[in-house]
Amino acid sequence: MPGLGLDGYEPDRHADAATAFCIHVAASEQYIPQHYHRKGQLILALSGAITCEVENALWMVPPQYAVWIPGQYPHSNRATPDARLCFLFIEPGAVEMPDYCCTLKISSLVRELIMALATRPTKRDPARQRLVQVLFDELPQQPQTHLHLPVSAHPKIRQMVDTMASQPAQWQTLNQWASLFAMSERNLARLVVKETGLSFRRWRHQLQLILAIRQLIAGQSVQQVAHTLGYDSTTAFITMFKKGLGQTPGRYLASLINP
């Protein structure tokens, strides 16, 4: 069934080319179960973060980023406590957007346009239409990023993701998983590549990056995150993080807070 919006808001009942609203997530972490919309949806994080599971992938949305979800794509969302989010719903065909899910780096201009649209009534006055047109001019130009983790419906892959996400320090090696599944390491490595397109090492590092970003945004120190993820030293964790995102954790976090 199509998902209802927050507080009973149903975006698919409105024919506006674009509709937006912003929310402040309650202090406890908020989870929205799997649902879908007829309209395309852009989820923008203003502060805090949100993780979306869409089409067999986990998409990470830190501050100043957004995930684009085309219409009819089932998805679920999990926001960090006290996150501030904006939801933008776009009528199919109103603007040329990708026909696949992706994470976008959102410019200050697009962010302000979405926030301004969220304060405007849904009536079709000329000023609102001009605002939407400028937004539609800018939105397709936002650069795509790679803050996602490929997963699949395969039960072994799902078990690995769920367990490593909840106990990242305890499940570090391919050998551990091969022993649990009574498989050879070679066969399990082939399964991971087949189901995700990545080697086990790259796949695990991508999950670690997503977990690290969530924890850093939540206020944990670099040392705490390194320990939580099972790294023997903070330096080793920083090296992994920099290799994956091109910046140290401190610089990356600073760029999210002061874009």
C-alpha atoms as a PDB file:
ATOM      1  CA  MET A   1       0.000   0.000   0.000  1.00  0.00           C
ATOM      2  CA  PRO A   2       1.239   3.557  -0.625  1.00  0.00           C
ATOM      3  CA  GLY A   3       2.650   5.096   2.519  1.00  0.00           C
ATOM      4  CA  LEU A   4       0.945   7.926   4.329  1.00  0.00           C
ATOM      5  CA  GLY A   5       2.940  11.046   5.004  1.00  0.00           C
ATOM      6  CA  LEU A   6       3.604  12.211   8.523  1.00  0.00           C
ATOM      7  CA  ASP A   7       0.547  13.303  10.502  1.00  0.00           C
ATOM      8  CA  GLY A   8      -1.720  11.818   7.863  1.00  0.00           C
ATOM      9  CA  TYR A   9      -0.380  13.941   4.989  1.00  0.00           C
ATOM     10  CA  GLU A  10      -0.886  12.116   1.687  1.00  0.00           C
ATOM     11  CA  PRO A  11       1.232  13.736  -1.047  1.00  0.00           C
ATOM     12  CA  ASP A  12      -0.179  11.587  -3.848  1.00  0.00           C
ATOM     13  CA  ARG A  13      -3.617  13.181  -3.427  1.00  0.00           C
ATOM     14  CA  HIS A  14      -2.271  16.548  -4.554  1.00  0.00           C
ATOM     15  CA  ALA A  15      -1.594  17.390  -8.194  1.00  0.00           C
ATOM     16  CA  ASP A  16       0.910  20.189  -7.534  1.00  0.00           C
ATOM     17  CA  ALA A  17       4.128  19.891  -9.539  1.00  0.00           C
ATOM     18  CA  ALA A  18       6.095  20.146  -6.280  1.00  0.00           C
ATOM     19  CA  THR A  19       5.130  20.020  -2.617  1.00  0.00           C
ATOM     20  CA  ALA A  20       7.489  20.266   0.344  1.00  0.00           C
ATOM     21  CA  PHE A  21       7.412  20.169   4.114  1.00  0.00           C
ATOM     22  CA  CYS A  22      10.064  20.089   6.840  1.00  0.00           C
ATOM     23  CA  ILE A  23      10.038  18.117  10.088  1.00  0.00           C
ATOM     24  CA  HIS A  24      12.020  17.887  13.307  1.00  0.00           C
ATOM     25  CA  VAL A  25      12.369  14.233  14.302  1.00  0.00           C
ATOM     26  CA  ALA A  26      11.433  13.397  17.901  1.00  0.00           C
ATOM     27  CA  ALA A  27      14.223  12.813  20.375  1.00  0.00           C
ATOM     28  CA  SER A  28      13.990   9.042  19.987  1.00  0.00           C
ATOM     29  CA  GLU A  29      15.142   7.596  16.677  1.00  0.00           C
ATOM     30  CA  GLN A  30      12.291   7.497  14.177  1.00  0.00           C
ATOM     31  CA  TYR A  31      11.644   4.620  11.795  1.00  0.00           C
ATOM     32  CA  ILE A  32       9.131   4.712   8.930  1.00  0.00           C
ATOM     33  CA  PRO A  33       8.356   1.189   7.617  1.00  0.00           C
ATOM     34  CA  GLN A  34       8.437   0.294   3.959  1.00  0.00           C
ATOM     35  CA  HIS A  35       5.999   2.262   1.804  1.00  0.00           C
ATOM     36  CA  TYR A  36       5.915   3.996  -1.580  1.00  0.00           C
ATOM     37  CA  HIS A  37       4.523   7.052  -3.339  1.00  0.00           C
ATOM     38  CA  ARG A  38       3.180   7.693  -6.799  1.00  0.00           C
ATOM     39  CA  LYS A  39       5.265  10.858  -6.840  1.00  0.00           C
ATOM     40  CA  GLY A  40       9.034  11.045  -6.805  1.00  0.00           C
ATOM     41  CA  GLN A  41      10.476  11.989  -3.425  1.00  0.00           C
ATOM     42  CA  LEU A  42      13.592  13.898  -2.423  1.00  0.00           C
ATOM     43  CA  ILE A  43      14.592  13.535   1.240  1.00  0.00           C
ATOM     44  CA  LEU A  44      16.961  16.295   2.335  1.00  0.00           C
ATOM     45  CA  ALA A  45      18.814  16.270   5.661  1.00  0.00           C
ATOM     46  CA  LEU A  46      19.275  19.735   7.183  1.00  0.00           C
ATOM     47  CA  SER A  47      20.848  18.375  10.372  1.00  0.00           C
ATOM     48  CA  GLY A  48      21.243  14.881  11.720  1.00  0.00           C
ATOM     49  CA  ALA A  49      20.983  12.093   9.171  1.00  0.00           C
ATOM     50  CA  ILE A  50      18.603   9.599   7.639  1.00  0.00           C
ATOM     51  CA  THR A  51      19.244   6.164   6.161  1.00  0.00           C
ATOM     52  CA  CYS A  52      16.865   4.915   3.471  1.00  0.00           C
ATOM     53  CA  GLU A  53      16.576   1.349   2.261  1.00  0.00           C
ATOM     54  CA  VAL A  54      15.552   1.347  -1.390  1.00  0.00           C
ATOM     55  CA  GLU A  55      15.822  -1.247  -4.157  1.00  0.00           C
ATOM     56  CA  ASN A  56      18.249  -3.518  -2.323  1.00  0.00           C
ATOM     57  CA  ALA A  57      20.569  -0.770  -1.123  1.00  0.00           C
ATOM     58  CA  LEU A  58      21.069   1.367   1.967  1.00  0.00           C
ATOM     59  CA  TRP A  59      21.353   5.056   1.135  1.00  0.00           C
ATOM     60  CA  MET A  60      23.072   7.384   3.604  1.00  0.00           C
ATOM     61  CA  VAL A  61      21.849  10.991   3.774  1.00  0.00           C
ATOM     62  CA  PRO A  62      24.054  13.218   5.972  1.00  0.00           C
ATOM     63  CA  PRO A  63      23.449  16.981   6.339  1.00  0.00           C
ATOM     64  CA  GLN A  64      23.418  18.966   3.084  1.00  0.00           C
ATOM     65  CA  TYR A  65      22.761  15.795   1.080  1.00  0.00           C
ATOM     66  CA  ALA A  66      19.537  14.244  -0.204  1.00  0.00           C
ATOM     67  CA  VAL A  67      18.359  10.936  -1.585  1.00  0.00           C
ATOM     68  CA  TRP A  68      16.194  10.901  -4.697  1.00  0.00           C
ATOM     69  CA  ILE A  69      13.590   8.117  -4.789  1.00  0.00           C
ATOM     70  CA  PRO A  70      11.572   7.801  -8.030  1.00  0.00           C
ATOM     71  CA  GLY A  71       7.850   7.184  -7.762  1.00  0.00           C
ATOM     72  CA  GLN A  72       6.587   3.648  -7.044  1.00  0.00           C
ATOM     73  CA  TYR A  73       9.876   2.585  -5.386  1.00  0.00           C
ATOM     74  CA  PRO A  74       9.206   0.880  -2.023  1.00  0.00           C
ATOM     75  CA  HIS A  75      11.452   2.321   0.690  1.00  0.00           C
ATOM     76  CA  SER A  76      11.857   2.604   4.447  1.00  0.00           C
ATOM     77  CA  ASN A  77      13.521   5.402   6.426  1.00  0.00           C
ATOM     78  CA  ARG A  78      15.429   5.591   9.704  1.00  0.00           C
ATOM     79  CA  ALA A  79      16.362   9.035  11.047  1.00  0.00           C
ATOM     80  CA  THR A  80      18.808   9.912  13.802  1.00  0.00           C
ATOM     81  CA  PRO A  81      17.413  11.551  16.962  1.00  0.00           C
ATOM     82  CA  ASP A  82      16.655  15.275  16.596  1.00  0.00           C
ATOM     83  CA  ALA A  83      17.275  15.222  12.843  1.00  0.00           C
ATOM     84  CA  ARG A  84      15.798  18.057  10.780  1.00  0.00           C
ATOM     85  CA  LEU A  85      14.556  16.871   7.390  1.00  0.00           C
ATOM     86  CA  CYS A  86      12.780  18.248   4.348  1.00  0.00           C
ATOM     87  CA  PHE A  87      10.593  16.116   2.099  1.00  0.00           C
ATOM     88  CA  LEU A  88      10.037  17.247  -1.481  1.00  0.00           C
ATOM     89  CA  PHE A  89       7.403  15.430  -3.565  1.00  0.00           C
ATOM     90  CA  ILE A  90       7.491  15.886  -7.338  1.00  0.00           C
ATOM     91  CA  GLU A  91       4.727  15.028  -9.784  1.00  0.00           C
ATOM     92  CA  PRO A  92       5.856  12.453 -12.390  1.00  0.00           C
ATOM     93  CA  GLY A  93       7.164  14.164 -15.527  1.00  0.00           C
ATOM     94  CA  ALA A  94       7.283  17.635 -13.946  1.00  0.00           C
ATOM     95  CA  VAL A  95      11.098  17.800 -14.102  1.00  0.00           C
ATOM     96  CA  GLU A  96      13.749  15.537 -15.589  1.00  0.00           C
ATOM     97  CA  MET A  97      15.210  13.498 -12.729  1.00  0.00           C
ATOM     98  CA  PRO A  98      17.016  10.122 -12.720  1.00  0.00           C
ATOM     99  CA  ASP A  99      14.824   7.030 -13.048  1.00  0.00           C
ATOM    100  CA  TYR A 100      16.942   5.326 -10.370  1.00  0.00           C
ATOM    101  CA  CYS A 101      17.752   6.065  -6.724  1.00  0.00           C
ATOM    102  CA  CYS A 102      20.769   8.232  -6.012  1.00  0.00           C
ATOM    103  CA  THR A 103      22.301  10.477  -3.374  1.00  0.00           C
ATOM    104  CA  LEU A 104      22.737  14.147  -4.322  1.00  0.00           C
ATOM    105  CA  LYS A 105      24.989  16.856  -2.903  1.00  0.00           C
ATOM    106  CA  ILE A 106      22.560  19.736  -2.437  1.00  0.00           C
ATOM    107  CA  SER A 107      23.672  23.318  -3.039  1.00  0.00           C
ATOM    108  CA  SER A 108      22.796  26.137  -0.652  1.00  0.00           C
ATOM    109  CA  LEU A 109      20.465  27.618  -3.282  1.00  0.00           C
ATOM    110  CA  VAL A 110      18.457  24.401  -3.755  1.00  0.00           C
ATOM    111  CA  ARG A 111      18.272  23.883  -0.007  1.00  0.00           C
ATOM    112  CA  GLU A 112      16.854  27.374   0.498  1.00  0.00           C
ATOM    113  CA  LEU A 113      14.394  26.926  -2.377  1.00  0.00           C
ATOM    114  CA  ILE A 114      13.048  23.704  -0.853  1.00  0.00           C
ATOM    115  CA  MET A 115      12.762  25.302   2.581  1.00  0.00           C
ATOM    116  CA  ALA A 116      10.986  28.318   1.092  1.00  0.00           C
ATOM    117  CA  LEU A 117       8.547  26.064  -0.774  1.00  0.00           C
ATOM    118  CA  ALA A 118       7.773  24.260   2.489  1.00  0.00           C
ATOM    119  CA  THR A 119       6.506  27.535   3.990  1.00  0.00           C
ATOM    120  CA  ARG A 120       4.222  28.363   1.046  1.00  0.00           C
ATOM    121  CA  PRO A 121       0.570  27.263   0.891  1.00  0.00           C
ATOM    122  CA  THR A 122      -0.181  24.735  -1.838  1.00  0.00           C
ATOM    123  CA  LYS A 123      -2.386  27.167  -3.728  1.00  0.00           C
ATOM    124  CA  ARG A 124      -1.184  27.921  -7.258  1.00  0.00           C
ATOM    125  CA  ASP A 125      -0.234  31.573  -7.018  1.00  0.00           C
ATOM    126  CA  PRO A 126       2.293  33.054  -9.518  1.00  0.00           C
ATOM    127  CA  ALA A 127       5.011  33.587  -6.889  1.00  0.00           C
ATOM    128  CA  ARG A 128       4.894  29.948  -5.850  1.00  0.00           C
ATOM    129  CA  GLN A 129       4.982  28.787  -9.457  1.00  0.00           C
ATOM    130  CA  ARG A 130       8.093  30.909 -10.102  1.00  0.00           C
ATOM    131  CA  LEU A 131       9.749  29.422  -7.023  1.00  0.00           C
ATOM    132  CA  VAL A 132       9.021  25.904  -8.263  1.00  0.00           C
ATOM    133  CA  GLN A 133      10.368  26.725 -11.722  1.00  0.00           C
ATOM    134  CA  VAL A 134      13.690  27.977 -10.314  1.00  0.00           C
ATOM    135  CA  LEU A 135      13.880  24.829  -8.173  1.00  0.00           C
ATOM    136  CA  PHE A 136      13.236  22.673 -11.241  1.00  0.00           C
ATOM    137  CA  ASP A 137      15.966  24.551 -13.138  1.00  0.00           C
ATOM    138  CA  GLU A 138      18.520  23.849 -10.419  1.00  0.00           C
ATOM    139  CA  LEU A 139      17.588  20.419  -9.083  1.00  0.00           C
ATOM    140  CA  PRO A 140      18.719  18.285 -12.070  1.00  0.00           C
ATOM    141  CA  GLN A 141      22.162  19.908 -11.856  1.00  0.00           C
ATOM    142  CA  GLN A 142      22.955  18.628  -8.351  1.00  0.00           C
ATOM    143  CA  PRO A 143      25.954  16.241  -8.414  1.00  0.00           C
ATOM    144  CA  GLN A 144      25.482  12.595  -7.516  1.00  0.00           C
ATOM    145  CA  THR A 145      27.556  10.919  -4.796  1.00  0.00           C
ATOM    146  CA  HIS A 146      28.122   7.314  -3.710  1.00  0.00           C
ATOM    147  CA  LEU A 147      26.878   7.129  -0.132  1.00  0.00           C
ATOM    148  CA  HIS A 148      25.129   3.801  -0.452  1.00  0.00           C
ATOM    149  CA  LEU A 149      25.624   0.141   0.361  1.00  0.00           C
ATOM    150  CA  PRO A 150      24.449  -2.512  -2.116  1.00  0.00           C
ATOM    151  CA  VAL A 151      22.509  -5.303  -0.430  1.00  0.00           C
ATOM    152  CA  SER A 152      20.112  -7.960  -1.684  1.00  0.00           C
ATOM    153  CA  ALA A 153      17.257 -10.152  -0.602  1.00  0.00           C
ATOM    154  CA  HIS A 154      19.578 -13.154  -0.282  1.00  0.00           C
ATOM    155  CA  PRO A 155      19.184 -14.407   3.317  1.00  0.00           C
ATOM    156  CA  LYS A 156      22.938 -14.715   3.923  1.00  0.00           C
ATOM    157  CA  ILE A 157      23.584 -11.177   2.683  1.00  0.00           C
ATOM    158  CA  ARG A 158      20.725  -9.816   4.806  1.00  0.00           C
ATOM    159  CA  GLN A 159      22.050 -11.612   7.875  1.00  0.00           C
ATOM    160  CA  MET A 160      25.518 -10.204   7.289  1.00  0.00           C
ATOM    161  CA  VAL A 161      24.250  -6.646   6.911  1.00  0.00           C
ATOM    162  CA  ASP A 162      21.967  -6.761   9.939  1.00  0.00           C
ATOM    163  CA  THR A 163      24.574  -8.382  12.183  1.00  0.00           C
ATOM    164  CA  MET A 164      27.510  -6.199  11.104  1.00  0.00           C
ATOM    165  CA  ALA A 165      25.378  -3.089  11.523  1.00  0.00           C
ATOM    166  CA  SER A 166      24.425  -4.026  15.093  1.00  0.00           C
ATOM    167  CA  GLN A 167      27.733  -5.647  16.116  1.00  0.00           C
ATOM    168  CA  PRO A 168      30.363  -4.139  13.796  1.00  0.00           C
ATOM    169  CA  ALA A 169      33.338  -4.882  16.047  1.00  0.00           C
ATOM    170  CA  GLN A 170      32.566  -8.590  16.346  1.00  0.00           C
ATOM    171  CA  TRP A 171      32.178  -9.590  12.686  1.00  0.00           C
ATOM    172  CA  GLN A 172      35.234  -8.375  10.805  1.00  0.00           C
ATOM    173  CA  THR A 173      36.446 -11.209   8.594  1.00  0.00           C
ATOM    174  CA  LEU A 174      35.223 -13.297   5.706  1.00  0.00           C
ATOM    175  CA  ASN A 175      36.501 -16.359   7.565  1.00  0.00           C
ATOM    176  CA  GLN A 176      34.113 -15.723  10.466  1.00  0.00           C
ATOM    177  CA  TRP A 177      31.118 -15.628   8.134  1.00  0.00           C
ATOM    178  CA  ALA A 178      32.270 -18.609   6.085  1.00  0.00           C
ATOM    179  CA  SER A 179      32.535 -20.660   9.286  1.00  0.00           C
ATOM    180  CA  LEU A 180      29.071 -19.575  10.411  1.00  0.00           C
ATOM    181  CA  PHE A 181      27.514 -20.502   7.060  1.00  0.00           C
ATOM    182  CA  ALA A 182      29.571 -23.719   6.717  1.00  0.00           C
ATOM    183  CA  MET A 183      30.931 -22.453   3.392  1.00  0.00           C
ATOM    184  CA  SER A 184      34.390 -22.015   1.967  1.00  0.00           C
ATOM    185  CA  GLU A 185      35.723 -18.458   1.978  1.00  0.00           C
ATOM    186  CA  ARG A 186      36.011 -18.600  -1.807  1.00  0.00           C
ATOM    187  CA  ASN A 187      32.334 -19.496  -2.300  1.00  0.00           C
ATOM    188  CA  LEU A 188      31.172 -16.851   0.152  1.00  0.00           C
ATOM    189  CA  ALA A 189      33.380 -14.228  -1.498  1.00  0.00           C
ATOM    190  CA  ARG A 190      31.806 -15.109  -4.857  1.00  0.00           C
ATOM    191  CA  LEU A 191      28.322 -14.824  -3.352  1.00  0.00           C
ATOM    192  CA  VAL A 192      29.055 -11.328  -2.002  1.00  0.00           C
ATOM    193  CA  VAL A 193      30.340 -10.170  -5.389  1.00  0.00           C
ATOM    194  CA  LYS A 194      27.382 -11.725  -7.193  1.00  0.00           C
ATOM    195  CA  GLU A 195      24.787 -10.129  -4.889  1.00  0.00           C
ATOM    196  CA  THR A 196      26.411  -6.705  -4.298  1.00  0.00           C
ATOM    197  CA  GLY A 197      28.897  -6.110  -7.097  1.00  0.00           C
ATOM    198  CA  LEU A 198      31.661  -5.466  -4.536  1.00  0.00           C
ATOM    199  CA  SER A 199      34.358  -7.564  -2.921  1.00  0.00           C
ATOM    200  CA  PHE A 200      33.737  -8.451   0.731  1.00  0.00           C
ATOM    201  CA  ARG A 201      36.431  -6.009   1.876  1.00  0.00           C
ATOM    202  CA  ARG A 202      35.040  -3.076  -0.128  1.00  0.00           C
ATOM    203  CA  TRP A 203      31.486  -3.945   0.872  1.00  0.00           C
ATOM    204  CA  ARG A 204      32.378  -4.108   4.570  1.00  0.00           C
ATOM    205  CA  HIS A 205      34.255  -0.804   4.348  1.00  0.00           C
ATOM    206  CA  GLN A 206      31.255   0.855   2.692  1.00  0.00           C
ATOM    207  CA  LEU A 207      29.025  -0.314   5.546  1.00  0.00           C
ATOM    208  CA  GLN A 208      31.593   0.947   8.043  1.00  0.00           C
ATOM    209  CA  LEU A 209      31.581   4.367   6.359  1.00  0.00           C
ATOM    210  CA  ILE A 210      27.795   4.601   6.641  1.00  0.00           C
ATOM    211  CA  LEU A 211      27.886   3.566  10.301  1.00  0.00           C
ATOM    212  CA  ALA A 212      30.753   5.962  11.001  1.00  0.00           C
ATOM    213  CA  ILE A 213      28.968   8.948   9.465  1.00  0.00           C
ATOM    214  CA  ARG A 214      25.828   8.254  11.507  1.00  0.00           C
ATOM    215  CA  GLN A 215      27.846   7.966  14.727  1.00  0.00           C
ATOM    216  CA  LEU A 216      29.934  11.077  14.055  1.00  0.00           C
ATOM    217  CA  ILE A 217      26.816  13.117  13.305  1.00  0.00           C
ATOM    218  CA  ALA A 218      25.271  11.786  16.541  1.00  0.00           C
ATOM    219  CA  GLY A 219      28.183  13.323  18.466  1.00  0.00           C
ATOM    220  CA  GLN A 220      30.597  10.432  19.017  1.00  0.00           C
ATOM    221  CA  SER A 221      34.316  11.194  18.850  1.00  0.00           C
ATOM    222  CA  VAL A 222      36.590   9.726  16.196  1.00  0.00           C
ATOM    223  CA  GLN A 223      38.178   7.533  18.865  1.00  0.00           C
ATOM    224  CA  GLN A 224      34.773   6.222  19.997  1.00  0.00           C
ATOM    225  CA  VAL A 225      33.712   5.435  16.431  1.00  0.00           C
ATOM    226  CA  ALA A 226      36.981   3.626  15.693  1.00  0.00           C
ATOM    227  CA  HIS A 227      36.494   1.497  18.819  1.00  0.00           C
ATOM    228  CA  THR A 228      32.825   0.773  18.014  1.00  0.00           C
ATOM    229  CA  LEU A 229      33.767  -0.418  14.524  1.00  0.00           C
ATOM    230  CA  GLY A 230      36.467  -2.736  15.888  1.00  0.00           C
ATOM    231  CA  TYR A 231      39.602  -0.916  14.718  1.00  0.00           C
ATOM    232  CA  ASP A 232      42.773  -1.592  16.704  1.00  0.00           C
ATOM    233  CA  SER A 233      43.857   2.024  16.313  1.00  0.00           C
ATOM    234  CA  THR A 234      42.249   5.359  15.532  1.00  0.00           C
ATOM    235  CA  THR A 235      44.844   5.883  12.808  1.00  0.00           C
ATOM    236  CA  ALA A 236      43.728   2.749  10.952  1.00  0.00           C
ATOM    237  CA  PHE A 237      40.127   3.932  11.059  1.00  0.00           C
ATOM    238  CA  ILE A 238      41.061   7.422   9.812  1.00  0.00           C
ATOM    239  CA  THR A 239      43.010   5.844   6.933  1.00  0.00           C
ATOM    240  CA  MET A 240      39.977   3.746   5.918  1.00  0.00           C
ATOM    241  CA  PHE A 241      37.662   6.757   6.169  1.00  0.00           C
ATOM    242  CA  LYS A 242      39.954   9.019   4.125  1.00  0.00           C
ATOM    243  CA  LYS A 243      40.382   6.364   1.446  1.00  0.00           C
ATOM    244  CA  GLY A 244      36.618   6.020   1.132  1.00  0.00           C
ATOM    245  CA  LEU A 245      35.559   9.687   1.261  1.00  0.00           C
ATOM    246  CA  GLY A 246      38.718  11.628   0.448  1.00  0.00           C
ATOM    247  CA  GLN A 247      38.803  13.454   3.798  1.00  0.00           C
ATOM    248  CA  THR A 248      39.599  12.706   7.414  1.00  0.00           C
ATOM    249  CA  PRO A 249      36.555  12.228   9.673  1.00  0.00           C
ATOM    250  CA  GLY A 250      37.127  15.628  11.282  1.00  0.00           C
ATOM    251  CA  ARG A 251      37.296  17.498   7.987  1.00  0.00           C
ATOM    252  CA  TYR A 252      34.326  15.605   6.598  1.00  0.00           C
ATOM    253  CA  LEU A 253      32.196  16.389   9.645  1.00  0.00           C
ATOM    254  CA  ALA A 254      33.238  20.054   9.493  1.00  0.00           C
ATOM    255  CA  SER A 255      32.163  20.210   5.839  1.00  0.00           C
ATOM    256  CA  LEU A 256      28.684  18.959   6.802  1.00  0.00           C
ATOM    257  CA  ILE A 257      28.292  21.510   9.568  1.00  0.00           C
ATOM    258  CA  ASN A 258      29.771  24.428   7.612  1.00  0.00           C
ATOM    259  CA  PRO A 259      29.126  23.709   3.911  1.00  0.00           C
END
